[in-house]
Amino acid sequence: MKISSGILLFKRNNEKFFYFLVHPGGPFWKKKDLGAWSIPKGEVLEDENFLERALIEFREETGKQINGDFIELNPIKQKGGKTVFAWAVESYIEMSDFKSNTIGFEWPPKSGKVIEIPEVDQWEWFDTEEAKTKINSAQVDFIIQLEELMKLK
């Protein structure tokens, strides 16, 4: 069973929520938009702290450190069977100098040829409604959970 861990970064402006999402790099994702975006996340290694992994992944995919009061959300299961754990944190992040790590990626599929691609090729803030259309459909639940929790505060 694959497990990933990530950060749902959000900010508020006039009681409106905005979410920071990332778009995967590489030729497979190049023309995909709706449902292709994600929270910055990555696979958890055995015996690893999930929040620490989420913070490492955030740094690898953006080049930025993130701090704040982390709110643990209930995990979700994506269509492919991967379970994703997430922590929400309210913070602002400077967008001008992002830098993603690169990964080896077989392209074309089953060709044996490996190309180097950025893990993430776009970063963007979206309001709640747009974020819900852009993000992986299973991850919409993270947005719903957070907004419900914030109503209780």
C-alpha atoms as a PDB file:
ATOM      1  CA  MET A   1       0.000   0.000   0.000  1.00  0.00           C
ATOM      2  CA  LYS A   2       1.449   3.354  -1.023  1.00  0.00           C
ATOM      3  CA  ILE A   3       1.263   6.219   1.436  1.00  0.00           C
ATOM      4  CA  SER A   4       2.010   9.874   0.698  1.00  0.00           C
ATOM      5  CA  SER A   5       2.134  12.863   2.961  1.00  0.00           C
ATOM      6  CA  GLY A   6       1.670  16.517   2.047  1.00  0.00           C
ATOM      7  CA  ILE A   7       0.894  20.106   2.977  1.00  0.00           C
ATOM      8  CA  LEU A   8      -2.326  21.982   2.224  1.00  0.00           C
ATOM      9  CA  LEU A   9      -1.087  25.572   2.322  1.00  0.00           C
ATOM     10  CA  PHE A  10      -3.855  28.139   2.569  1.00  0.00           C
ATOM     11  CA  LYS A  11      -4.408  31.834   3.140  1.00  0.00           C
ATOM     12  CA  ARG A  12      -7.501  33.924   3.769  1.00  0.00           C
ATOM     13  CA  ASN A  13      -8.481  37.288   2.383  1.00  0.00           C
ATOM     14  CA  ASN A  14     -11.799  38.871   3.420  1.00  0.00           C
ATOM     15  CA  GLU A  15     -13.065  35.525   4.758  1.00  0.00           C
ATOM     16  CA  LYS A  16     -12.310  33.901   1.397  1.00  0.00           C
ATOM     17  CA  PHE A  17      -9.949  30.907   1.312  1.00  0.00           C
ATOM     18  CA  PHE A  18      -7.119  30.460  -1.195  1.00  0.00           C
ATOM     19  CA  TYR A  19      -5.137  27.249  -1.679  1.00  0.00           C
ATOM     20  CA  PHE A  20      -1.605  26.713  -2.926  1.00  0.00           C
ATOM     21  CA  LEU A  21      -1.460  23.829  -5.405  1.00  0.00           C
ATOM     22  CA  VAL A  22       1.250  22.337  -7.610  1.00  0.00           C
ATOM     23  CA  HIS A  23       1.086  20.881 -11.117  1.00  0.00           C
ATOM     24  CA  PRO A  24       3.197  17.804 -11.928  1.00  0.00           C
ATOM     25  CA  GLY A  25       5.938  18.208 -14.514  1.00  0.00           C
ATOM     26  CA  GLY A  26       6.708  16.066 -17.535  1.00  0.00           C
ATOM     27  CA  PRO A  27       5.125  15.202 -20.873  1.00  0.00           C
ATOM     28  CA  PHE A  28       2.309  13.049 -19.441  1.00  0.00           C
ATOM     29  CA  TRP A  29       0.865  16.014 -17.471  1.00  0.00           C
ATOM     30  CA  LYS A  30       1.730  18.790 -19.934  1.00  0.00           C
ATOM     31  CA  LYS A  31      -1.785  19.299 -21.334  1.00  0.00           C
ATOM     32  CA  LYS A  32      -3.728  18.141 -18.275  1.00  0.00           C
ATOM     33  CA  ASP A  33      -5.271  20.778 -16.019  1.00  0.00           C
ATOM     34  CA  LEU A  34      -8.589  20.031 -14.290  1.00  0.00           C
ATOM     35  CA  GLY A  35      -8.031  17.322 -11.697  1.00  0.00           C
ATOM     36  CA  ALA A  36      -4.276  17.268 -12.344  1.00  0.00           C
ATOM     37  CA  TRP A  37      -3.139  19.659  -9.598  1.00  0.00           C
ATOM     38  CA  SER A  38      -2.240  18.479  -6.106  1.00  0.00           C
ATOM     39  CA  ILE A  39      -1.047  19.510  -2.703  1.00  0.00           C
ATOM     40  CA  PRO A  40       2.774  19.262  -2.532  1.00  0.00           C
ATOM     41  CA  LYS A  41       3.258  15.681  -1.333  1.00  0.00           C
ATOM     42  CA  GLY A  42       5.410  12.608  -1.619  1.00  0.00           C
ATOM     43  CA  GLU A  43       5.752   8.982  -0.678  1.00  0.00           C
ATOM     44  CA  VAL A  44       6.434   8.210   2.978  1.00  0.00           C
ATOM     45  CA  LEU A  45       9.395   5.931   3.623  1.00  0.00           C
ATOM     46  CA  GLU A  46       9.177   3.108   6.163  1.00  0.00           C
ATOM     47  CA  ASP A  47       9.349   4.287   9.812  1.00  0.00           C
ATOM     48  CA  GLU A  48       9.339   7.940   8.722  1.00  0.00           C
ATOM     49  CA  ASN A  49       7.446  10.731  10.476  1.00  0.00           C
ATOM     50  CA  PHE A  50       4.572  11.712   8.156  1.00  0.00           C
ATOM     51  CA  LEU A  51       4.650  15.448   8.907  1.00  0.00           C
ATOM     52  CA  GLU A  52       8.437  15.584   8.464  1.00  0.00           C
ATOM     53  CA  ARG A  53       8.050  13.855   5.070  1.00  0.00           C
ATOM     54  CA  ALA A  54       5.351  16.366   4.083  1.00  0.00           C
ATOM     55  CA  LEU A  55       7.699  19.257   4.939  1.00  0.00           C
ATOM     56  CA  ILE A  56      10.574  17.668   2.989  1.00  0.00           C
ATOM     57  CA  GLU A  57       8.320  17.206  -0.036  1.00  0.00           C
ATOM     58  CA  PHE A  58       7.127  20.809   0.163  1.00  0.00           C
ATOM     59  CA  ARG A  59      10.738  22.005   0.149  1.00  0.00           C
ATOM     60  CA  GLU A  60      11.722  19.663  -2.722  1.00  0.00           C
ATOM     61  CA  GLU A  61       8.787  20.713  -4.906  1.00  0.00           C
ATOM     62  CA  THR A  62       8.993  24.470  -4.262  1.00  0.00           C
ATOM     63  CA  GLY A  63      12.478  25.218  -2.923  1.00  0.00           C
ATOM     64  CA  LYS A  64      10.765  26.822   0.117  1.00  0.00           C
ATOM     65  CA  GLN A  65      10.564  26.038   3.828  1.00  0.00           C
ATOM     66  CA  ILE A  66       7.126  26.274   5.413  1.00  0.00           C
ATOM     67  CA  ASN A  67       6.367  26.910   9.083  1.00  0.00           C
ATOM     68  CA  GLY A  68       3.272  27.525  11.152  1.00  0.00           C
ATOM     69  CA  ASP A  69       0.602  25.810  13.178  1.00  0.00           C
ATOM     70  CA  PHE A  70      -0.075  22.559  11.340  1.00  0.00           C
ATOM     71  CA  ILE A  71      -3.618  21.174  11.382  1.00  0.00           C
ATOM     72  CA  GLU A  72      -3.792  17.415  10.841  1.00  0.00           C
ATOM     73  CA  LEU A  73      -6.539  16.432   8.399  1.00  0.00           C
ATOM     74  CA  ASN A  74      -8.143  13.024   7.938  1.00  0.00           C
ATOM     75  CA  PRO A  75      -6.362  10.954   5.270  1.00  0.00           C
ATOM     76  CA  ILE A  76      -7.973  10.286   1.896  1.00  0.00           C
ATOM     77  CA  LYS A  77      -7.636   7.438  -0.591  1.00  0.00           C
ATOM     78  CA  GLN A  78      -7.001   8.292  -4.246  1.00  0.00           C
ATOM     79  CA  LYS A  79      -8.404   6.281  -7.182  1.00  0.00           C
ATOM     80  CA  GLY A  80      -5.141   4.374  -7.661  1.00  0.00           C
ATOM     81  CA  GLY A  81      -5.319   3.163  -4.054  1.00  0.00           C
ATOM     82  CA  LYS A  82      -2.712   5.523  -2.587  1.00  0.00           C
ATOM     83  CA  THR A  83      -3.535   6.887   0.870  1.00  0.00           C
ATOM     84  CA  VAL A  84      -2.618  10.559   1.339  1.00  0.00           C
ATOM     85  CA  PHE A  85      -2.114  12.193   4.739  1.00  0.00           C
ATOM     86  CA  ALA A  86      -2.147  15.990   4.893  1.00  0.00           C
ATOM     87  CA  TRP A  87      -1.561  18.891   7.236  1.00  0.00           C
ATOM     88  CA  ALA A  88      -3.071  22.295   6.568  1.00  0.00           C
ATOM     89  CA  VAL A  89      -1.147  25.429   7.488  1.00  0.00           C
ATOM     90  CA  GLU A  90      -2.084  29.067   7.027  1.00  0.00           C
ATOM     91  CA  SER A  91       0.799  31.067   5.619  1.00  0.00           C
ATOM     92  CA  TYR A  92       1.885  33.302   2.765  1.00  0.00           C
ATOM     93  CA  ILE A  93       4.638  32.206   0.407  1.00  0.00           C
ATOM     94  CA  GLU A  94       6.630  34.366  -2.007  1.00  0.00           C
ATOM     95  CA  MET A  95       5.953  33.053  -5.514  1.00  0.00           C
ATOM     96  CA  SER A  96       8.786  34.626  -7.520  1.00  0.00           C
ATOM     97  CA  ASP A  97      11.660  32.181  -7.022  1.00  0.00           C
ATOM     98  CA  PHE A  98      10.233  28.685  -6.849  1.00  0.00           C
ATOM     99  CA  LYS A  99      12.452  25.828  -7.905  1.00  0.00           C
ATOM    100  CA  SER A 100      11.420  22.183  -8.125  1.00  0.00           C
ATOM    101  CA  ASN A 101      13.707  19.206  -7.828  1.00  0.00           C
ATOM    102  CA  THR A 102      14.027  16.963 -10.897  1.00  0.00           C
ATOM    103  CA  ILE A 103      13.302  13.270 -11.275  1.00  0.00           C
ATOM    104  CA  GLY A 104      14.091  10.588 -13.839  1.00  0.00           C
ATOM    105  CA  PHE A 105      11.019   9.659 -15.874  1.00  0.00           C
ATOM    106  CA  GLU A 106      10.638   6.951 -18.538  1.00  0.00           C
ATOM    107  CA  TRP A 107       9.380   8.577 -21.751  1.00  0.00           C
ATOM    108  CA  PRO A 108       7.884   7.397 -23.994  1.00  0.00           C
ATOM    109  CA  PRO A 109       6.312   4.747 -21.759  1.00  0.00           C
ATOM    110  CA  LYS A 110       7.979   1.292 -21.931  1.00  0.00           C
ATOM    111  CA  SER A 111      10.752   2.713 -24.146  1.00  0.00           C
ATOM    112  CA  GLY A 112      13.506   2.269 -21.576  1.00  0.00           C
ATOM    113  CA  LYS A 113      14.543   5.885 -22.248  1.00  0.00           C
ATOM    114  CA  VAL A 114      14.716   8.024 -19.094  1.00  0.00           C
ATOM    115  CA  ILE A 115      14.438  11.800 -19.284  1.00  0.00           C
ATOM    116  CA  GLU A 116      15.005  14.329 -16.483  1.00  0.00           C
ATOM    117  CA  ILE A 117      11.893  16.360 -15.664  1.00  0.00           C
ATOM    118  CA  PRO A 118      10.928  18.853 -12.945  1.00  0.00           C
ATOM    119  CA  GLU A 119       8.721  17.119 -10.385  1.00  0.00           C
ATOM    120  CA  VAL A 120       6.533  20.239 -10.428  1.00  0.00           C
ATOM    121  CA  ASP A 121       6.228  22.685 -13.346  1.00  0.00           C
ATOM    122  CA  GLN A 122       3.626  25.166 -12.015  1.00  0.00           C
ATOM    123  CA  TRP A 123       2.620  26.641  -8.656  1.00  0.00           C
ATOM    124  CA  GLU A 124      -0.495  28.687  -8.087  1.00  0.00           C
ATOM    125  CA  TRP A 125      -2.998  30.034  -5.552  1.00  0.00           C
ATOM    126  CA  PHE A 126      -6.650  29.221  -6.274  1.00  0.00           C
ATOM    127  CA  ASP A 127      -9.825  30.267  -4.472  1.00  0.00           C
ATOM    128  CA  THR A 128     -11.952  27.482  -3.002  1.00  0.00           C
ATOM    129  CA  GLU A 129     -14.172  26.861  -6.009  1.00  0.00           C
ATOM    130  CA  GLU A 130     -11.368  26.869  -8.570  1.00  0.00           C
ATOM    131  CA  ALA A 131      -9.133  24.766  -6.315  1.00  0.00           C
ATOM    132  CA  LYS A 132     -11.871  22.130  -6.134  1.00  0.00           C
ATOM    133  CA  THR A 133     -11.860  21.829  -9.954  1.00  0.00           C
ATOM    134  CA  LYS A 134      -8.071  21.872 -10.329  1.00  0.00           C
ATOM    135  CA  ILE A 135      -7.064  19.466  -7.529  1.00  0.00           C
ATOM    136  CA  ASN A 136      -7.065  15.668  -7.768  1.00  0.00           C
ATOM    137  CA  SER A 137     -10.713  14.751  -7.101  1.00  0.00           C
ATOM    138  CA  ALA A 138      -9.954  12.723  -3.947  1.00  0.00           C
ATOM    139  CA  GLN A 139      -7.977  15.639  -2.467  1.00  0.00           C
ATOM    140  CA  VAL A 140     -11.036  17.929  -2.643  1.00  0.00           C
ATOM    141  CA  ASP A 141     -11.913  16.379   0.720  1.00  0.00           C
ATOM    142  CA  PHE A 142      -8.900  18.120   2.317  1.00  0.00           C
ATOM    143  CA  ILE A 143     -10.365  21.513   1.338  1.00  0.00           C
ATOM    144  CA  ILE A 144     -13.809  20.548   2.649  1.00  0.00           C
ATOM    145  CA  GLN A 145     -12.347  19.262   5.930  1.00  0.00           C
ATOM    146  CA  LEU A 146     -10.308  22.410   6.504  1.00  0.00           C
ATOM    147  CA  GLU A 147     -13.166  24.807   5.820  1.00  0.00           C
ATOM    148  CA  GLU A 148     -15.436  22.821   8.159  1.00  0.00           C
ATOM    149  CA  LEU A 149     -12.779  22.928  10.898  1.00  0.00           C
ATOM    150  CA  MET A 150     -12.302  26.679  10.442  1.00  0.00           C
ATOM    151  CA  LYS A 151     -16.062  27.276  10.883  1.00  0.00           C
ATOM    152  CA  LEU A 152     -15.792  25.664  14.316  1.00  0.00           C
ATOM    153  CA  LYS A 153     -13.024  28.023  15.457  1.00  0.00           C
END
